[in-house]
Amino acid sequence: MKPSTSKLLITQGRLIDAGGERSADVRIADGVVTEVGVGLLSGDGEQVLDAAGMVVCPGFVDLHVHLREPGREEAETIETGSRGAALGGFTAIVAMPNTDPTQDSVGVVEFVRQQGERAGLCEVLPSGSITIGRKGETLTPFAELAAAGVRLFTDDGNGVQDPQLMRRAYEYASDLGITMAQHCEVERLTEGAVMHEGSCCSHLGLPGWPSLAEELMVHRDIELVRLTGAPAHFLHLSTAGSVELVRKAKADGLAVTAEATPHHISLTDELLTSYSALYKVTPPLRTMDDIIAIREGLRDGTIDAIATDHAPHVSQSKELPLDQAPPGMLGLETALGVSIAHLDMPLVDIVAALSWKPAEIAGVADRHGRPIEVGEPANLTMFDPAQEWEVVPGQLASKSRNTPFVGVALTGRVKHTIFNGEVVVLDGVAQK
């Protein structure tokens, strides 16, 4: 996408980037930062954004988004998902491959990328599946997809069950400079599961999903990384045991990264006592002990990124009985508000987990998560870190409404998003 030719001046901002914090004005022209200083004066034809009381930071990058297109456009499209992303402060999102058809070929990957470019609200980065059709049987053509720009590969929604096949995937990844992103679930242990296996599921009489089902695969893939030297990224970690496994792997110097979702730092399995499928996700909501461990993992850097696992579903599917309803919830527009409300971390560290750290994992650190300095791409987010607000479902950009955060107090709201130098969200309103 060509950079915008518009001219912008951001004044009185609290700048946060990988270099730390400072107060400054930022001038933007032709899609790049052209000046950073104090007391900059506006020029002819320059749009001025007053950032007093706001944070100005590199745009957020979401490693884990389900855009549904192609195949399930009734729940979401690339355009509506991109709009929600921009409203949430994201300038780049990684589109998961569990579409119909699967993102296991260059043709489908290019379709997703081009639809994102047409929307023009953020950069849409297609992931590729690890196996053809996500069936766990035959590896996708990694070299062809990597040549087409794919950097993350995952069968998200399913973990690759065959350890020999996964070993081969890591060997290819080591040669090609790509990353395997694993959905950690040993499926024999989760058959029929509805929620976390623990006292709450026993009380409700619902089949449980044991923490061990996640942790066994985390352990397996860590050892495959140790064997092959290839990098691994662990999707949506949810248990205290998984956090500790990744912590030890990093201490051993292994090339592993991990993400956690806003809902796994804020919501417990006890919410399933309502029998509402709004709280049904994969992996399931866990206990407060797990939430505390996930939060600590983010604080100490064991978990690198906050990723939404944005998973839209049409209303009628979420209204099915709990054991029949599909898992997943919306996350793009609420990620910042949930994170600030529930993480006892310096704001710079929260922004890091939403911006430059995931940008590095996604392979787009050349254009997203960049320092706010002269010559850098103008992909920026501006938010009020103190604003308290609540979700109004009818005002969400998504075609779906399956959010559990209605009536929940959130802190921190995106005001403006700048993508390639163009203001795509102004005063909380998408401009496209």
Protein backbone atom coordinates (compact mmCIF):
# COMPACT_ATOMS: atom_id res chain seq x y z
CA MET A 1 0.00 0.00 0.00
CA LYS A 2 1.28 3.46 -0.90
CA PRO A 3 1.85 5.82 2.02
CA SER A 4 -0.54 8.69 2.53
CA THR A 5 0.38 12.08 1.14
CA SER A 6 -1.46 13.82 4.00
CA LYS A 7 0.41 16.04 6.42
CA LEU A 8 -0.11 15.72 10.17
CA LEU A 9 1.13 17.36 13.32
CA ILE A 10 0.62 15.63 16.68
CA THR A 11 1.07 18.05 19.56
CA GLN A 12 1.73 17.68 23.30
CA GLY A 13 1.93 13.90 23.24
CA ARG A 14 3.35 11.51 25.81
CA LEU A 15 5.52 9.44 23.51
CA ILE A 16 6.14 5.80 24.45
CA ASP A 17 8.31 3.54 22.32
CA ALA A 18 11.09 0.99 22.81
CA GLY A 19 13.40 3.84 23.81
CA GLY A 20 11.23 4.84 26.77
CA GLU A 21 9.01 7.87 27.44
CA ARG A 22 9.23 11.56 26.61
CA SER A 23 7.00 14.53 25.83
CA ALA A 24 7.14 15.81 22.27
CA ASP A 25 5.31 16.85 19.12
CA VAL A 26 5.47 14.67 16.01
CA ARG A 27 5.25 15.83 12.39
CA ILE A 28 4.28 13.36 9.66
CA ALA A 29 4.36 13.70 5.87
CA ASP A 30 4.25 11.19 3.03
CA GLY A 31 3.75 8.30 5.43
CA VAL A 32 6.84 8.87 7.57
CA VAL A 33 7.84 10.83 10.66
CA THR A 34 9.62 13.98 9.49
CA GLU A 35 10.20 15.85 12.75
CA VAL A 36 10.07 15.19 16.49
CA GLY A 37 10.46 18.07 18.91
CA VAL A 38 8.87 20.43 21.39
CA GLY A 39 6.80 23.44 20.36
CA LEU A 40 6.49 22.54 16.69
CA LEU A 41 4.26 24.94 14.74
CA SER A 42 1.68 23.76 12.22
CA GLY A 43 2.23 24.44 8.55
CA ASP A 44 -0.10 25.06 5.64
CA GLY A 45 -2.51 22.22 4.95
CA GLU A 46 -1.36 20.32 8.02
CA GLN A 47 -3.95 18.45 10.10
CA VAL A 48 -3.33 18.95 13.80
CA LEU A 49 -4.12 16.28 16.41
CA ASP A 50 -3.98 17.52 19.99
CA ALA A 51 -2.52 14.69 22.09
CA ALA A 52 -2.67 16.42 25.47
CA GLY A 53 -3.28 13.74 28.10
CA MET A 54 -2.74 10.98 25.54
CA VAL A 55 -0.08 8.39 24.85
CA VAL A 56 1.40 8.40 21.36
CA CYS A 57 3.03 5.06 20.59
CA PRO A 58 3.89 2.70 17.74
CA GLY A 59 0.79 0.97 16.41
CA PHE A 60 -0.30 -2.27 18.01
CA VAL A 61 0.31 -5.63 16.29
CA ASP A 62 -2.06 -8.55 16.90
CA LEU A 63 -0.52 -11.97 16.34
CA HIS A 64 -3.82 -13.84 16.48
CA VAL A 65 -6.98 -12.74 14.66
CA HIS A 66 -9.75 -14.76 13.04
CA LEU A 67 -11.14 -12.76 10.12
CA ARG A 68 -13.37 -15.62 8.87
CA GLU A 69 -13.01 -14.60 5.21
CA PRO A 70 -12.95 -16.58 3.00
CA GLY A 71 -15.75 -18.94 4.00
CA ARG A 72 -17.66 -17.48 6.93
CA GLU A 73 -18.32 -13.91 5.94
CA GLU A 74 -21.59 -13.89 7.87
CA ALA A 75 -19.52 -13.69 11.09
CA GLU A 76 -16.77 -11.34 9.90
CA THR A 77 -15.04 -10.05 6.79
CA ILE A 78 -11.51 -8.85 6.34
CA GLU A 79 -12.88 -5.32 6.01
CA THR A 80 -14.98 -5.39 9.19
CA GLY A 81 -12.24 -7.14 11.13
CA SER A 82 -9.70 -4.59 9.92
CA ARG A 83 -12.00 -1.78 11.00
CA GLY A 84 -12.28 -3.28 14.47
CA ALA A 85 -8.51 -3.63 14.55
CA ALA A 86 -7.95 0.01 13.65
CA LEU A 87 -10.45 1.09 16.31
CA GLY A 88 -8.48 -0.98 18.80
CA GLY A 89 -5.22 0.74 17.84
CA PHE A 90 -3.80 -2.06 15.69
CA THR A 91 -1.87 -1.16 12.56
CA ALA A 92 -1.08 -4.80 11.70
CA ILE A 93 -2.89 -8.07 12.38
CA VAL A 94 -2.01 -11.69 11.63
CA ALA A 95 -4.94 -13.51 10.02
CA MET A 96 -5.34 -17.08 11.22
CA PRO A 97 -5.57 -19.77 8.52
CA ASN A 98 -8.72 -21.65 9.64
CA THR A 99 -10.72 -20.27 6.74
CA ASP A 100 -12.58 -22.10 3.98
CA PRO A 101 -10.54 -22.76 1.95
CA THR A 102 -7.61 -22.99 4.36
CA GLN A 103 -4.70 -20.59 3.97
CA ASP A 104 -2.44 -23.41 2.78
CA SER A 105 -1.72 -22.12 -0.72
CA VAL A 106 -0.31 -18.96 -2.25
CA GLY A 107 -3.63 -18.20 -3.95
CA VAL A 108 -5.61 -18.04 -0.71
CA VAL A 109 -2.84 -16.16 1.09
CA GLU A 110 -2.73 -13.53 -1.65
CA PHE A 111 -6.52 -13.19 -1.57
CA VAL A 112 -6.42 -12.42 2.16
CA ARG A 113 -3.57 -9.95 1.73
CA GLN A 114 -5.28 -8.15 -1.14
CA GLN A 115 -8.57 -7.89 0.73
CA GLY A 116 -6.68 -6.24 3.55
CA GLU A 117 -5.07 -3.79 1.15
CA ARG A 118 -8.47 -2.92 -0.31
CA ALA A 119 -9.80 -2.15 3.16
CA GLY A 120 -6.79 0.09 3.82
CA LEU A 121 -7.34 0.25 7.58
CA CYS A 122 -4.35 -1.77 8.78
CA GLU A 123 -1.88 -4.26 7.36
CA VAL A 124 -3.35 -7.76 7.16
CA LEU A 125 -0.64 -10.42 7.42
CA PRO A 126 -1.85 -13.86 6.33
CA SER A 127 -0.49 -16.80 8.28
CA GLY A 128 -0.15 -20.18 6.63
CA SER A 129 -1.33 -23.48 7.99
CA ILE A 130 1.25 -26.03 9.07
CA THR A 131 -0.60 -28.88 7.40
CA ILE A 132 -2.79 -29.08 4.32
CA GLY A 133 -6.38 -28.30 5.29
CA ARG A 134 -5.22 -28.20 8.92
CA LYS A 135 -5.79 -31.95 8.97
CA GLY A 136 -2.49 -32.77 10.64
CA GLU A 137 -1.42 -35.20 7.92
CA THR A 138 0.67 -33.48 5.23
CA LEU A 139 2.86 -30.41 5.54
CA THR A 140 2.02 -27.35 3.47
CA PRO A 141 4.50 -26.04 0.86
CA PHE A 142 6.45 -23.90 3.32
CA ALA A 143 9.00 -22.65 0.78
CA GLU A 144 6.32 -21.37 -1.62
CA LEU A 145 4.37 -19.67 1.14
CA ALA A 146 7.51 -18.18 2.67
CA ALA A 147 8.44 -16.79 -0.74
CA ALA A 148 4.97 -15.18 -0.80
CA GLY A 149 5.76 -13.39 2.46
CA VAL A 150 4.25 -15.73 5.06
CA ARG A 151 6.27 -15.75 8.28
CA LEU A 152 4.00 -17.47 10.82
CA PHE A 153 2.58 -20.95 10.30
CA THR A 154 -0.09 -22.50 12.51
CA ASP A 155 -2.95 -24.98 12.49
CA ASP A 156 -4.67 -22.81 15.10
CA GLY A 157 -7.89 -24.35 16.29
CA ASN A 158 -5.96 -27.61 16.33
CA GLY A 159 -2.55 -28.58 17.62
CA VAL A 160 -0.43 -30.76 15.36
CA GLN A 161 -0.81 -34.12 17.07
CA ASP A 162 1.89 -36.10 15.23
CA PRO A 163 5.29 -35.40 16.86
CA GLN A 164 7.26 -36.75 13.89
CA LEU A 165 5.38 -34.47 11.49
CA MET A 166 5.95 -31.55 13.81
CA ARG A 167 9.64 -32.35 14.02
CA ARG A 168 9.84 -32.15 10.23
CA ALA A 169 7.98 -28.81 10.30
CA TYR A 170 10.53 -27.36 12.71
CA GLU A 171 13.39 -28.65 10.54
CA TYR A 172 11.94 -26.86 7.52
CA ALA A 173 11.40 -23.74 9.63
CA SER A 174 15.03 -23.72 10.67
CA ASP A 175 16.13 -23.67 7.01
CA LEU A 176 13.57 -21.13 5.78
CA GLY A 177 13.63 -18.56 8.56
CA ILE A 178 9.93 -18.97 9.40
CA THR A 179 8.21 -19.58 12.72
CA MET A 180 5.85 -22.35 13.78
CA ALA A 181 3.07 -21.01 16.02
CA GLN A 182 1.59 -23.89 17.98
CA HIS A 183 -1.92 -24.30 19.33
CA CYS A 184 -1.04 -26.50 22.30
CA GLU A 185 -3.69 -29.14 22.83
CA VAL A 186 -3.39 -32.91 23.10
CA GLU A 187 -6.77 -33.74 21.66
CA ARG A 188 -7.20 -37.17 23.27
CA LEU A 189 -7.30 -35.37 26.60
CA THR A 190 -9.90 -32.78 25.55
CA GLU A 191 -12.50 -34.92 23.78
CA GLY A 192 -15.94 -33.59 24.67
CA ALA A 193 -14.50 -30.91 26.96
CA VAL A 194 -16.57 -27.80 27.55
CA MET A 195 -14.56 -25.89 30.15
CA HIS A 196 -11.51 -26.06 32.41
CA GLU A 197 -11.17 -29.27 34.39
CA GLY A 198 -11.43 -28.35 38.04
CA SER A 199 -13.82 -27.88 40.94
CA CYS A 200 -16.10 -25.60 38.95
CA CYS A 201 -16.64 -28.06 36.08
CA SER A 202 -17.28 -30.85 38.60
CA HIS A 203 -19.91 -28.73 40.32
CA LEU A 204 -21.62 -27.99 36.99
CA GLY A 205 -21.36 -31.57 35.77
CA LEU A 206 -19.63 -30.53 32.54
CA PRO A 207 -16.74 -32.37 30.85
CA GLY A 208 -13.43 -30.77 31.72
CA TRP A 209 -10.36 -29.70 29.75
CA PRO A 210 -7.26 -30.48 31.84
CA SER A 211 -4.32 -28.12 32.04
CA LEU A 212 -2.15 -31.12 31.20
CA ALA A 213 -3.56 -31.17 27.65
CA GLU A 214 -1.87 -27.84 26.99
CA GLU A 215 1.27 -28.41 29.01
CA LEU A 216 2.18 -31.73 27.39
CA MET A 217 2.32 -30.11 23.97
CA VAL A 218 4.18 -27.07 25.24
CA HIS A 219 6.77 -29.46 26.69
CA ARG A 220 6.92 -31.52 23.47
CA ASP A 221 7.50 -28.50 21.25
CA ILE A 222 10.09 -27.01 23.57
CA GLU A 223 12.05 -30.23 23.21
CA LEU A 224 11.61 -30.13 19.42
CA VAL A 225 13.00 -26.59 19.45
CA ARG A 226 15.92 -27.85 21.53
CA LEU A 227 16.48 -30.60 18.97
CA THR A 228 16.12 -28.59 15.75
CA GLY A 229 17.14 -25.06 16.74
CA ALA A 230 14.04 -23.67 15.04
CA PRO A 231 11.92 -20.94 16.65
CA ALA A 232 8.51 -21.65 18.14
CA HIS A 233 5.72 -19.33 19.16
CA PHE A 234 3.13 -20.59 21.64
CA LEU A 235 -0.39 -19.34 21.04
CA HIS A 236 -2.82 -18.28 23.80
CA LEU A 237 -1.10 -19.81 26.84
CA SER A 238 -3.59 -20.34 29.64
CA THR A 239 -2.05 -22.33 32.49
CA ALA A 240 0.47 -21.70 35.23
CA GLY A 241 2.33 -24.85 34.19
CA SER A 242 2.72 -23.61 30.61
CA VAL A 243 4.16 -20.32 31.82
CA GLU A 244 6.75 -22.11 33.92
CA LEU A 245 7.73 -24.40 31.03
CA VAL A 246 8.32 -21.40 28.76
CA ARG A 247 10.19 -19.57 31.51
CA LYS A 248 12.62 -22.48 31.87
CA ALA A 249 12.99 -22.81 28.09
CA LYS A 250 13.94 -19.15 27.82
CA ALA A 251 16.41 -19.57 30.68
CA ASP A 252 17.97 -22.36 28.63
CA GLY A 253 18.39 -19.93 25.73
CA LEU A 254 15.87 -21.61 23.44
CA ALA A 255 14.18 -19.66 20.64
CA VAL A 256 10.67 -19.66 22.07
CA THR A 257 8.11 -16.87 22.36
CA ALA A 258 4.60 -16.85 23.75
CA GLU A 259 1.40 -14.85 23.82
CA ALA A 260 -1.54 -14.50 26.19
CA THR A 261 -5.02 -13.17 25.50
CA PRO A 262 -6.83 -10.36 27.33
CA HIS A 263 -9.50 -12.83 28.46
CA HIS A 264 -6.94 -15.17 30.02
CA ILE A 265 -5.68 -12.32 32.22
CA SER A 266 -9.13 -11.18 33.30
CA LEU A 267 -11.83 -13.89 33.30
CA THR A 268 -12.06 -17.12 35.34
CA ASP A 269 -13.79 -20.41 34.70
CA GLU A 270 -16.35 -19.57 37.40
CA LEU A 271 -18.12 -17.35 34.85
CA LEU A 272 -19.28 -20.55 33.12
CA THR A 273 -21.70 -21.09 36.01
CA SER A 274 -23.97 -18.76 34.04
CA TYR A 275 -23.98 -21.37 31.25
CA SER A 276 -23.38 -18.49 28.84
CA ALA A 277 -21.39 -19.47 25.75
CA LEU A 278 -19.94 -15.96 25.67
CA TYR A 279 -17.38 -17.34 28.15
CA LYS A 280 -16.59 -20.46 26.13
CA VAL A 281 -13.16 -20.20 24.52
CA THR A 282 -10.27 -22.40 23.42
CA PRO A 283 -8.23 -22.94 25.51
CA PRO A 284 -10.83 -22.49 28.22
CA LEU A 285 -10.91 -19.85 30.90
CA ARG A 286 -8.88 -21.13 33.83
CA THR A 287 -8.57 -20.42 37.56
CA MET A 288 -7.44 -17.30 39.36
CA ASP A 289 -4.13 -19.03 40.10
CA ASP A 290 -3.61 -19.43 36.36
CA ILE A 291 -4.54 -15.80 35.72
CA ILE A 292 -2.01 -14.67 38.33
CA ALA A 293 0.67 -16.81 36.65
CA ILE A 294 -0.16 -15.40 33.20
CA ARG A 295 0.03 -11.85 34.53
CA GLU A 296 3.39 -12.58 36.16
CA GLY A 297 4.59 -14.12 32.89
CA LEU A 298 3.77 -10.88 31.10
CA ARG A 299 5.43 -8.83 33.84
CA ASP A 300 8.73 -10.72 33.75
CA GLY A 301 8.83 -11.16 29.96
CA THR A 302 8.22 -14.90 29.90
CA ILE A 303 5.15 -14.13 27.82
CA ASP A 304 6.15 -11.72 25.08
CA ALA A 305 2.89 -10.50 23.61
CA ILE A 306 -0.76 -9.77 24.24
CA ALA A 307 -2.79 -11.22 21.35
CA THR A 308 -6.56 -11.10 21.14
CA ASP A 309 -7.54 -14.42 19.52
CA HIS A 310 -10.42 -12.34 18.12
CA ALA A 311 -13.00 -14.99 17.18
CA PRO A 312 -16.31 -13.67 15.88
CA HIS A 313 -19.42 -15.88 15.72
CA VAL A 314 -22.94 -15.14 14.57
CA SER A 315 -25.42 -14.71 17.41
CA GLN A 316 -27.43 -17.85 16.75
CA SER A 317 -24.36 -20.09 17.14
CA LYS A 318 -23.45 -18.56 20.50
CA GLU A 319 -27.04 -19.02 21.67
CA LEU A 320 -26.75 -22.80 21.38
CA PRO A 321 -26.39 -24.92 24.54
CA LEU A 322 -22.96 -24.57 26.10
CA ASP A 323 -21.73 -27.98 24.94
CA GLN A 324 -22.76 -27.24 21.34
CA ALA A 325 -21.80 -23.58 20.96
CA PRO A 326 -18.49 -22.78 19.24
CA PRO A 327 -15.63 -21.35 21.32
CA GLY A 328 -14.38 -17.82 20.90
CA MET A 329 -14.98 -14.17 21.70
CA LEU A 330 -14.29 -10.76 20.19
CA GLY A 331 -11.15 -8.97 21.30
CA LEU A 332 -9.81 -6.32 18.92
CA GLU A 333 -11.60 -3.25 20.26
CA THR A 334 -11.28 -4.19 23.95
CA ALA A 335 -7.67 -5.43 24.14
CA LEU A 336 -6.14 -2.19 25.40
CA GLY A 337 -8.93 -1.49 27.89
CA VAL A 338 -8.81 -4.99 29.39
CA SER A 339 -5.01 -4.98 29.54
CA ILE A 340 -4.68 -1.67 31.38
CA ALA A 341 -7.54 -2.54 33.74
CA HIS A 342 -6.12 -5.92 34.73
CA LEU A 343 -2.33 -5.75 34.44
CA ASP A 344 -0.29 -4.24 37.26
CA MET A 345 2.52 -3.29 34.92
CA PRO A 346 4.22 -0.07 33.80
CA LEU A 347 2.37 1.35 30.81
CA VAL A 348 5.49 1.09 28.67
CA ASP A 349 5.55 -2.68 29.25
CA ILE A 350 1.88 -3.05 28.29
CA VAL A 351 2.52 -1.09 25.09
CA ALA A 352 5.58 -3.24 24.40
CA ALA A 353 3.46 -6.41 24.65
CA LEU A 354 0.94 -4.91 22.23
CA SER A 355 3.36 -3.28 19.80
CA TRP A 356 7.06 -3.83 19.18
CA LYS A 357 7.36 -7.26 20.77
CA PRO A 358 4.63 -8.87 18.61
CA ALA A 359 5.93 -6.92 15.59
CA GLU A 360 9.24 -8.72 15.99
CA ILE A 361 7.56 -12.13 16.24
CA ALA A 362 5.39 -11.41 13.19
CA GLY A 363 8.43 -10.42 11.14
CA VAL A 364 7.23 -6.86 10.51
CA ALA A 365 9.53 -4.96 12.86
CA ASP A 366 10.84 -3.03 9.86
CA ARG A 367 7.55 -1.10 9.63
CA HIS A 368 5.50 -1.68 12.79
CA GLY A 369 6.46 -1.12 16.42
CA ARG A 370 9.15 1.28 15.24
CA PRO A 371 10.68 4.05 17.35
CA ILE A 372 8.98 7.41 16.93
CA GLU A 373 11.91 9.03 15.19
CA VAL A 374 12.60 10.94 11.99
CA GLY A 375 12.45 8.71 8.92
CA GLU A 376 10.41 5.97 10.56
CA PRO A 377 7.08 4.71 9.11
CA ALA A 378 4.09 6.55 10.55
CA ASN A 379 2.13 3.62 11.98
CA LEU A 380 0.99 5.07 15.30
CA THR A 381 -1.66 4.76 17.96
CA MET A 382 -2.92 7.51 20.26
CA PHE A 383 -4.89 6.60 23.36
CA ASP A 384 -6.15 8.04 26.61
CA PRO A 385 -4.70 5.71 29.28
CA ALA A 386 -7.06 6.93 32.00
CA GLN A 387 -10.41 6.92 30.22
CA GLU A 388 -12.88 4.49 31.73
CA TRP A 389 -15.54 3.07 29.43
CA GLU A 390 -17.89 0.17 28.80
CA VAL A 391 -18.64 -1.80 25.67
CA VAL A 392 -21.81 -1.06 23.71
CA PRO A 393 -22.22 -4.14 21.47
CA GLY A 394 -24.17 -2.31 18.77
CA GLN A 395 -21.30 0.13 18.33
CA LEU A 396 -18.66 -2.52 17.65
CA ALA A 397 -17.24 -2.70 14.14
CA SER A 398 -17.43 -6.49 14.00
CA LYS A 399 -20.33 -8.18 12.25
CA SER A 400 -20.62 -10.33 15.39
CA ARG A 401 -21.47 -9.39 18.97
CA ASN A 402 -19.96 -12.19 21.07
CA THR A 403 -18.11 -10.12 23.66
CA PRO A 404 -18.21 -10.95 27.39
CA PHE A 405 -17.09 -7.45 28.37
CA VAL A 406 -20.48 -5.73 28.24
CA GLY A 407 -21.01 -3.94 31.55
CA VAL A 408 -17.35 -4.45 32.54
CA ALA A 409 -15.32 -1.35 33.40
CA LEU A 410 -12.37 -0.97 31.01
CA THR A 411 -9.52 1.52 31.32
CA GLY A 412 -7.73 3.12 28.38
CA ARG A 413 -9.32 3.92 25.04
CA VAL A 414 -7.91 4.48 21.57
CA LYS A 415 -8.65 7.93 20.16
CA HIS A 416 -6.70 8.02 16.90
CA THR A 417 -4.94 5.42 14.75
CA ILE A 418 -2.51 6.38 12.00
CA PHE A 419 -1.69 3.80 9.33
CA ASN A 420 0.92 4.57 6.68
CA GLY A 421 0.63 8.23 7.61
CA GLU A 422 -3.15 8.37 7.19
CA VAL A 423 -5.60 8.92 10.04
CA VAL A 424 -7.84 5.85 9.80
CA VAL A 425 -9.45 6.40 13.20
CA LEU A 426 -10.21 9.95 14.35
CA ASP A 427 -11.74 10.65 17.76
CA GLY A 428 -12.69 7.01 18.08
CA VAL A 429 -14.47 6.88 14.72
CA ALA A 430 -13.22 4.82 11.77
CA GLN A 431 -12.68 7.01 8.72
CA LYS A 432 -13.28 4.21 6.20
